[in-house]
PDB file of N, CA and C in Angstrom:
ATOM      1  N   MET A   1      21.689   9.410 -14.139  1.00  0.00           N
ATOM      2  CA  MET A   1      20.320   8.850 -14.338  1.00  0.00           C
ATOM      3  C   MET A   1      20.361   7.493 -13.610  1.00  0.00           C
ATOM      4  N   SER A   2      19.272   7.289 -12.658  1.00  0.00           N
ATOM      5  CA  SER A   2      19.275   6.236 -11.983  1.00  0.00           C
ATOM      6  C   SER A   2      18.030   5.382 -12.585  1.00  0.00           C
ATOM      7  N   THR A   3      18.072   3.999 -12.254  1.00  0.00           N
ATOM      8  CA  THR A   3      16.924   2.984 -12.617  1.00  0.00           C
ATOM      9  C   THR A   3      16.347   2.419 -11.680  1.00  0.00           C
ATOM     10  N   GLN A   4      15.046   2.495 -11.742  1.00  0.00           N
ATOM     11  CA  GLN A   4      14.096   1.656 -10.801  1.00  0.00           C
ATOM     12  C   GLN A   4      13.561   0.681 -11.300  1.00  0.00           C
ATOM     13  N   LEU A   5      13.053  -0.324 -10.491  1.00  0.00           N
ATOM     14  CA  LEU A   5      12.002  -1.503 -11.032  1.00  0.00           C
ATOM     15  C   LEU A   5      10.764  -1.299 -10.316  1.00  0.00           C
ATOM     16  N   LEU A   6       9.603  -1.251 -11.126  1.00  0.00           N
ATOM     17  CA  LEU A   6       8.375  -1.252 -10.396  1.00  0.00           C
ATOM     18  C   LEU A   6       7.559  -2.617 -10.832  1.00  0.00           C
ATOM     19  N   LEU A   7       7.269  -3.044  -9.725  1.00  0.00           N
ATOM     20  CA  LEU A   7       6.637  -4.456  -9.780  1.00  0.00           C
ATOM     21  C   LEU A   7       5.219  -4.432  -9.303  1.00  0.00           C
ATOM     22  N   ARG A   8       4.313  -5.177  -9.854  1.00  0.00           N
ATOM     23  CA  ARG A   8       2.891  -5.317  -9.448  1.00  0.00           C
ATOM     24  C   ARG A   8       2.703  -6.796  -9.138  1.00  0.00           C
ATOM     25  N   PHE A   9       2.278  -7.079  -7.899  1.00  0.00           N
ATOM     26  CA  PHE A   9       2.072  -8.505  -7.684  1.00  0.00           C
ATOM     27  C   PHE A   9       0.471  -8.666  -7.213  1.00  0.00           C
ATOM     28  N   ASP A  10      -0.260  -9.311  -8.058  1.00  0.00           N
ATOM     29  CA  ASP A  10      -1.768  -9.484  -8.113  1.00  0.00           C
ATOM     30  C   ASP A  10      -1.994 -10.486  -6.739  1.00  0.00           C
ATOM     31  N   SER A  11      -1.338 -11.488  -6.364  1.00  0.00           N
ATOM     32  CA  SER A  11      -1.497 -12.140  -5.234  1.00  0.00           C
ATOM     33  C   SER A  11      -0.090 -12.101  -4.453  1.00  0.00           C
ATOM     34  N   PHE A  12      -0.017 -11.542  -3.206  1.00  0.00           N
ATOM     35  CA  PHE A  12       1.206 -11.209  -2.663  1.00  0.00           C
ATOM     36  C   PHE A  12       1.648 -12.191  -1.455  1.00  0.00           C
ATOM     37  N   ASP A  13       2.599 -12.827  -1.229  1.00  0.00           N
ATOM     38  CA  ASP A  13       2.889 -13.628  -0.203  1.00  0.00           C
ATOM     39  C   ASP A  13       4.107 -12.815   0.622  1.00  0.00           C
ATOM     40  N   GLN A  14       3.803 -12.226   1.688  1.00  0.00           N
ATOM     41  CA  GLN A  14       4.753 -11.274   2.413  1.00  0.00           C
ATOM     42  C   GLN A  14       5.868 -12.396   2.748  1.00  0.00           C
ATOM     43  N   GLU A  15       5.731 -13.361   3.292  1.00  0.00           N
ATOM     44  CA  GLU A  15       6.849 -14.281   3.918  1.00  0.00           C
ATOM     45  C   GLU A  15       7.709 -14.693   2.738  1.00  0.00           C
ATOM     46  N   ALA A  16       7.216 -14.984   1.506  1.00  0.00           N
ATOM     47  CA  ALA A  16       8.043 -15.316   0.383  1.00  0.00           C
ATOM     48  C   ALA A  16       8.866 -14.341  -0.041  1.00  0.00           C
ATOM     49  N   PHE A  17       8.301 -13.039  -0.045  1.00  0.00           N
ATOM     50  CA  PHE A  17       9.002 -11.845  -0.442  1.00  0.00           C
ATOM     51  C   PHE A  17       9.893 -11.550   0.325  1.00  0.00           C
ATOM     52  N   ASP A  18       9.779 -11.699   1.769  1.00  0.00           N
ATOM     53  CA  ASP A  18      10.980 -11.545   2.559  1.00  0.00           C
ATOM     54  C   ASP A  18      12.021 -12.557   2.446  1.00  0.00           C
ATOM     55  N   SER A  19      11.674 -13.625   2.403  1.00  0.00           N
ATOM     56  CA  SER A  19      12.648 -14.848   2.126  1.00  0.00           C
ATOM     57  C   SER A  19      13.488 -14.631   1.024  1.00  0.00           C
ATOM     58  N   ASP A  20      13.071 -13.897  -0.028  1.00  0.00           N
ATOM     59  CA  ASP A  20      13.799 -13.671  -1.195  1.00  0.00           C
ATOM     60  C   ASP A  20      14.550 -12.557  -1.144  1.00  0.00           C
ATOM     61  N   ALA A  21      14.792 -11.914   0.126  1.00  0.00           N
ATOM     62  CA  ALA A  21      15.523 -10.496   0.019  1.00  0.00           C
ATOM     63  C   ALA A  21      17.043 -10.862  -0.149  1.00  0.00           C
ATOM     64  N   GLU A  22      17.499 -11.587   0.197  1.00  0.00           N
ATOM     65  CA  GLU A  22      19.012 -12.005  -0.096  1.00  0.00           C
ATOM     66  C   GLU A  22      19.196 -12.138  -1.711  1.00  0.00           C
ATOM     67  N   ASN A  23      18.325 -12.853  -2.311  1.00  0.00           N
ATOM     68  CA  ASN A  23      18.467 -12.928  -3.759  1.00  0.00           C
ATOM     69  C   ASN A  23      18.527 -11.841  -4.686  1.00  0.00           C
ATOM     70  N   ARG A  24      17.360 -10.808  -3.982  1.00  0.00           N
ATOM     71  CA  ARG A  24      17.199  -9.586  -4.450  1.00  0.00           C
ATOM     72  C   ARG A  24      18.476  -8.717  -4.331  1.00  0.00           C
ATOM     73  N   ALA A  25      19.032  -8.806  -3.249  1.00  0.00           N
ATOM     74  CA  ALA A  25      20.248  -8.226  -3.016  1.00  0.00           C
ATOM     75  C   ALA A  25      21.393  -8.524  -3.803  1.00  0.00           C
ATOM     76  N   HIS A  26      21.409  -9.746  -3.950  1.00  0.00           N
ATOM     77  CA  HIS A  26      22.671 -10.338  -4.942  1.00  0.00           C
ATOM     78  C   HIS A  26      22.422  -9.859  -6.264  1.00  0.00           C
ATOM     79  N   ALA A  27      21.182  -9.620  -6.613  1.00  0.00           N
ATOM     80  CA  ALA A  27      20.868  -9.088  -7.931  1.00  0.00           C
ATOM     81  C   ALA A  27      20.790  -7.554  -8.123  1.00  0.00           C
ATOM     82  N   GLY A  28      21.431  -6.962  -6.995  1.00  0.00           N
ATOM     83  CA  GLY A  28      21.773  -5.434  -7.120  1.00  0.00           C
ATOM     84  C   GLY A  28      20.162  -4.579  -6.946  1.00  0.00           C
ATOM     85  N   LEU A  29      19.388  -5.330  -6.463  1.00  0.00           N
ATOM     86  CA  LEU A  29      18.086  -4.631  -6.244  1.00  0.00           C
ATOM     87  C   LEU A  29      17.916  -4.356  -4.620  1.00  0.00           C
ATOM     88  N   THR A  30      17.237  -3.145  -4.438  1.00  0.00           N
ATOM     89  CA  THR A  30      17.050  -2.596  -3.171  1.00  0.00           C
ATOM     90  C   THR A  30      15.557  -2.064  -2.925  1.00  0.00           C
ATOM     91  N   LEU A  31      14.831  -2.507  -2.082  1.00  0.00           N
ATOM     92  CA  LEU A  31      13.371  -2.116  -2.003  1.00  0.00           C
ATOM     93  C   LEU A  31      13.342  -0.843  -1.458  1.00  0.00           C
ATOM     94  N   LEU A  32      12.770   0.162  -2.169  1.00  0.00           N
ATOM     95  CA  LEU A  32      12.528   1.667  -1.795  1.00  0.00           C
ATOM     96  C   LEU A  32      11.236   1.751  -1.164  1.00  0.00           C
ATOM     97  N   GLN A  33      10.165   1.328  -1.837  1.00  0.00           N
ATOM     98  CA  GLN A  33       8.726   1.448  -1.262  1.00  0.00           C
ATOM     99  C   GLN A  33       7.795   0.383  -1.644  1.00  0.00           C
ATOM    100  N   MET A  34       6.972   0.046  -0.653  1.00  0.00           N
ATOM    101  CA  MET A  34       5.801  -1.142  -1.049  1.00  0.00           C
ATOM    102  C   MET A  34       4.541  -0.286  -0.698  1.00  0.00           C
ATOM    103  N   TRP A  35       3.714  -0.518  -1.626  1.00  0.00           N
ATOM    104  CA  TRP A  35       2.209  -0.093  -1.630  1.00  0.00           C
ATOM    105  C   TRP A  35       1.142  -1.221  -1.643  1.00  0.00           C
ATOM    106  N   ARG A  36       0.257  -1.060  -0.932  1.00  0.00           N
ATOM    107  CA  ARG A  36      -0.958  -1.974  -1.081  1.00  0.00           C
ATOM    108  C   ARG A  36      -2.081  -1.287  -1.684  1.00  0.00           C
ATOM    109  N   GLU A  37      -2.605  -2.094  -2.658  1.00  0.00           N
ATOM    110  CA  GLU A  37      -4.012  -1.795  -3.325  1.00  0.00           C
ATOM    111  C   GLU A  37      -4.871  -2.743  -3.158  1.00  0.00           C
ATOM    112  N   GLY A  38      -5.970  -2.394  -2.435  1.00  0.00           N
ATOM    113  CA  GLY A  38      -6.990  -3.345  -2.244  1.00  0.00           C
ATOM    114  C   GLY A  38      -6.517  -4.499  -1.019  1.00  0.00           C
ATOM    115  N   SER A  39      -7.021  -5.606  -1.235  1.00  0.00           N
ATOM    116  CA  SER A  39      -6.695  -6.611  -0.057  1.00  0.00           C
ATOM    117  C   SER A  39      -5.443  -7.569  -0.716  1.00  0.00           C
ATOM    118  N   ALA A  40      -5.252  -7.656  -1.865  1.00  0.00           N
ATOM    119  CA  ALA A  40      -4.286  -8.435  -2.342  1.00  0.00           C
ATOM    120  C   ALA A  40      -3.182  -8.092  -3.300  1.00  0.00           C
ATOM    121  N   THR A  41      -3.348  -7.136  -3.954  1.00  0.00           N
ATOM    122  CA  THR A  41      -2.199  -6.354  -4.899  1.00  0.00           C
ATOM    123  C   THR A  41      -1.440  -5.575  -4.100  1.00  0.00           C
ATOM    124  N   ARG A  42      -0.077  -5.894  -4.410  1.00  0.00           N
ATOM    125  CA  ARG A  42       0.987  -4.925  -3.820  1.00  0.00           C
ATOM    126  C   ARG A  42       1.869  -4.502  -4.989  1.00  0.00           C
ATOM    127  N   TRP A  43       2.348  -3.243  -4.811  1.00  0.00           N
ATOM    128  CA  TRP A  43       3.262  -2.543  -5.746  1.00  0.00           C
ATOM    129  C   TRP A  43       4.459  -2.470  -5.037  1.00  0.00           C
ATOM    130  N   ALA A  44       5.828  -2.788  -5.655  1.00  0.00           N
ATOM    131  CA  ALA A  44       6.868  -2.515  -4.973  1.00  0.00           C
ATOM    132  C   ALA A  44       7.737  -1.764  -6.029  1.00  0.00           C
ATOM    133  N   LEU A  45       8.467  -0.828  -5.371  1.00  0.00           N
ATOM    134  CA  LEU A  45       9.507  -0.061  -6.150  1.00  0.00           C
ATOM    135  C   LEU A  45      10.919  -0.342  -5.656  1.00  0.00           C
ATOM    136  N   LEU A  46      11.857  -0.697  -6.470  1.00  0.00           N
ATOM    137  CA  LEU A  46      13.007  -1.183  -6.198  1.00  0.00           C
ATOM    138  C   LEU A  46      14.234  -0.389  -6.772  1.00  0.00           C
ATOM    139  N   SER A  47      15.412  -0.091  -6.335  1.00  0.00           N
ATOM    140  CA  SER A  47      16.376   0.585  -6.936  1.00  0.00           C
ATOM    141  C   SER A  47      17.250  -0.596  -7.635  1.00  0.00           C
ATOM    142  N   VAL A  48      17.669  -0.198  -8.870  1.00  0.00           N
ATOM    143  CA  VAL A  48      18.354  -1.217  -9.489  1.00  0.00           C
ATOM    144  C   VAL A  48      19.831  -0.741  -9.876  1.00  0.00           C
ATOM    145  N   ASN A  49      20.781  -1.677  -9.247  1.00  0.00           N
ATOM    146  CA  ASN A  49      22.199  -1.220  -9.417  1.00  0.00           C
ATOM    147  C   ASN A  49      22.936  -2.104 -10.548  1.00  0.00           C
ATOM    148  N   ASP A  50      22.352  -3.137 -11.054  1.00  0.00           N
ATOM    149  CA  ASP A  50      22.820  -3.830 -12.209  1.00  0.00           C
ATOM    150  C   ASP A  50      21.697  -4.449 -12.900  1.00  0.00           C
ATOM    151  N   GLY A  51      21.535  -3.691 -14.138  1.00  0.00           N
ATOM    152  CA  GLY A  51      20.283  -3.964 -14.940  1.00  0.00           C
ATOM    153  C   GLY A  51      20.243  -5.410 -15.334  1.00  0.00           C
ATOM    154  N   GLU A  52      21.450  -6.078 -15.709  1.00  0.00           N
ATOM    155  CA  GLU A  52      21.597  -7.416 -16.188  1.00  0.00           C
ATOM    156  C   GLU A  52      21.102  -8.452 -15.249  1.00  0.00           C
ATOM    157  N   LYS A  53      21.652  -8.328 -13.985  1.00  0.00           N
ATOM    158  CA  LYS A  53      21.361  -9.096 -12.681  1.00  0.00           C
ATOM    159  C   LYS A  53      19.956  -8.978 -12.498  1.00  0.00           C
ATOM    160  N   ALA A  54      19.454  -7.757 -12.504  1.00  0.00           N
ATOM    161  CA  ALA A  54      18.016  -7.595 -12.175  1.00  0.00           C
ATOM    162  C   ALA A  54      17.121  -8.329 -13.168  1.00  0.00           C
ATOM    163  N   ARG A  55      17.330  -8.282 -14.384  1.00  0.00           N
ATOM    164  CA  ARG A  55      16.626  -8.974 -15.360  1.00  0.00           C
ATOM    165  C   ARG A  55      16.569 -10.537 -15.172  1.00  0.00           C
ATOM    166  N   ALA A  56      17.900 -10.873 -14.898  1.00  0.00           N
ATOM    167  CA  ALA A  56      17.949 -12.421 -14.555  1.00  0.00           C
ATOM    168  C   ALA A  56      17.193 -12.796 -13.449  1.00  0.00           C
ATOM    169  N   TRP A  57      17.292 -11.954 -12.320  1.00  0.00           N
ATOM    170  CA  TRP A  57      16.376 -12.104 -10.964  1.00  0.00           C
ATOM    171  C   TRP A  57      14.891 -12.336 -11.555  1.00  0.00           C
ATOM    172  N   LEU A  58      14.394 -11.412 -12.274  1.00  0.00           N
ATOM    173  CA  LEU A  58      13.107 -11.426 -12.496  1.00  0.00           C
ATOM    174  C   LEU A  58      12.579 -12.502 -13.468  1.00  0.00           C
ATOM    175  N   ASP A  59      13.425 -12.905 -14.518  1.00  0.00           N
ATOM    176  CA  ASP A  59      13.272 -14.058 -15.149  1.00  0.00           C
ATOM    177  C   ASP A  59      13.171 -15.365 -14.468  1.00  0.00           C
ATOM    178  N   GLN A  60      14.015 -15.509 -13.511  1.00  0.00           N
ATOM    179  CA  GLN A  60      14.066 -16.574 -12.554  1.00  0.00           C
ATOM    180  C   GLN A  60      12.832 -16.658 -11.636  1.00  0.00           C
ATOM    181  N   ALA A  61      12.364 -15.610 -11.083  1.00  0.00           N
ATOM    182  CA  ALA A  61      11.188 -15.472 -10.266  1.00  0.00           C
ATOM    183  C   ALA A  61       9.911 -15.900 -10.961  1.00  0.00           C
ATOM    184  N   LYS A  62      10.034 -15.501 -12.157  1.00  0.00           N
ATOM    185  CA  LYS A  62       8.776 -15.718 -13.380  1.00  0.00           C
ATOM    186  C   LYS A  62       8.883 -17.202 -13.504  1.00  0.00           C
ATOM    187  N   ALA A  63      10.023 -17.683 -13.761  1.00  0.00           N
ATOM    188  CA  ALA A  63       9.989 -19.339 -14.064  1.00  0.00           C
ATOM    189  C   ALA A  63       9.556 -20.209 -12.844  1.00  0.00           C
ATOM    190  N   LEU A  64       9.966 -19.628 -11.747  1.00  0.00           N
ATOM    191  CA  LEU A  64       9.591 -20.472 -10.441  1.00  0.00           C
ATOM    192  C   LEU A  64       8.038 -20.302 -10.045  1.00  0.00           C
ATOM    193  N   GLY A  65       7.446 -19.214 -10.797  1.00  0.00           N
ATOM    194  CA  GLY A  65       6.050 -19.220 -10.474  1.00  0.00           C
ATOM    195  C   GLY A  65       5.676 -18.218  -9.360  1.00  0.00           C
ATOM    196  N   HIS A  66       6.667 -17.405  -9.030  1.00  0.00           N
ATOM    197  CA  HIS A  66       6.343 -16.463  -7.815  1.00  0.00           C
ATOM    198  C   HIS A  66       6.677 -15.073  -8.339  1.00  0.00           C
ATOM    199  N   GLY A  67       6.826 -14.898  -9.739  1.00  0.00           N
ATOM    200  CA  GLY A  67       7.357 -13.574 -10.083  1.00  0.00           C
ATOM    201  C   GLY A  67       6.103 -12.498 -10.071  1.00  0.00           C
ATOM    202  N   PRO A  68       6.380 -11.299 -10.195  1.00  0.00           N
ATOM    203  CA  PRO A  68       5.323 -10.341 -10.235  1.00  0.00           C
ATOM    204  C   PRO A  68       4.450 -10.323 -11.627  1.00  0.00           C
ATOM    205  N   ALA A  69       3.141 -10.004 -11.657  1.00  0.00           N
ATOM    206  CA  ALA A  69       2.214  -9.817 -12.823  1.00  0.00           C
ATOM    207  C   ALA A  69       2.763  -8.978 -13.791  1.00  0.00           C
ATOM    208  N   GLU A  70       3.252  -7.758 -13.338  1.00  0.00           N
ATOM    209  CA  GLU A  70       3.935  -6.799 -14.160  1.00  0.00           C
ATOM    210  C   GLU A  70       5.306  -6.321 -13.533  1.00  0.00           C
ATOM    211  N   ALA A  71       6.132  -5.834 -14.599  1.00  0.00           N
ATOM    212  CA  ALA A  71       7.369  -5.214 -14.179  1.00  0.00           C
ATOM    213  C   ALA A  71       7.716  -4.230 -15.193  1.00  0.00           C
ATOM    214  N   HIS A  72       8.339  -3.067 -14.673  1.00  0.00           N
ATOM    215  CA  HIS A  72       8.527  -2.024 -15.589  1.00  0.00           C
ATOM    216  C   HIS A  72       9.925  -1.591 -15.113  1.00  0.00           C
ATOM    217  N   PHE A  73      10.968  -1.397 -15.851  1.00  0.00           N
ATOM    218  CA  PHE A  73      12.102  -0.758 -15.661  1.00  0.00           C
ATOM    219  C   PHE A  73      12.082   0.725 -16.019  1.00  0.00           C
ATOM    220  N   LEU A  74      12.214   1.654 -15.090  1.00  0.00           N
ATOM    221  CA  LEU A  74      11.963   3.195 -15.157  1.00  0.00           C
ATOM    222  C   LEU A  74      13.384   3.805 -15.092  1.00  0.00           C
ATOM    223  N   GLU A  75      13.573   4.853 -15.675  1.00  0.00           N
ATOM    224  CA  GLU A  75      14.670   5.725 -15.464  1.00  0.00           C
ATOM    225  C   GLU A  75      14.328   7.051 -15.174  1.00  0.00           C
ATOM    226  N   THR A  76      15.073   7.712 -14.427  1.00  0.00           N
ATOM    227  CA  THR A  76      14.768   9.174 -14.002  1.00  0.00           C
ATOM    228  C   THR A  76      14.819  10.019 -15.249  1.00  0.00           C
ATOM    229  N   ALA A  77      14.244  11.109 -15.343  1.00  0.00           N
ATOM    230  CA  ALA A  77      14.113  11.813 -16.539  1.00  0.00           C
ATOM    231  C   ALA A  77      14.896  13.173 -16.108  1.00  0.00           C
TER     232      ALA A  77
END
């Protein structure tokens, strides 16, 4: 069973997202897909290698004010 993290960003800053790549990698997250919905919303699907580190990264991103509007941890069925 594998785990993914689906994120929705209502306002998306590509430069900020790209600059956070190293932090995501240290949290065991790998970007699999990115989708655009309308002009501002972005969806990102990430592979999760360490759920605890991924949750800590997500909590920190939200605390810093640049986290996603929604986050869903999903497992393959």
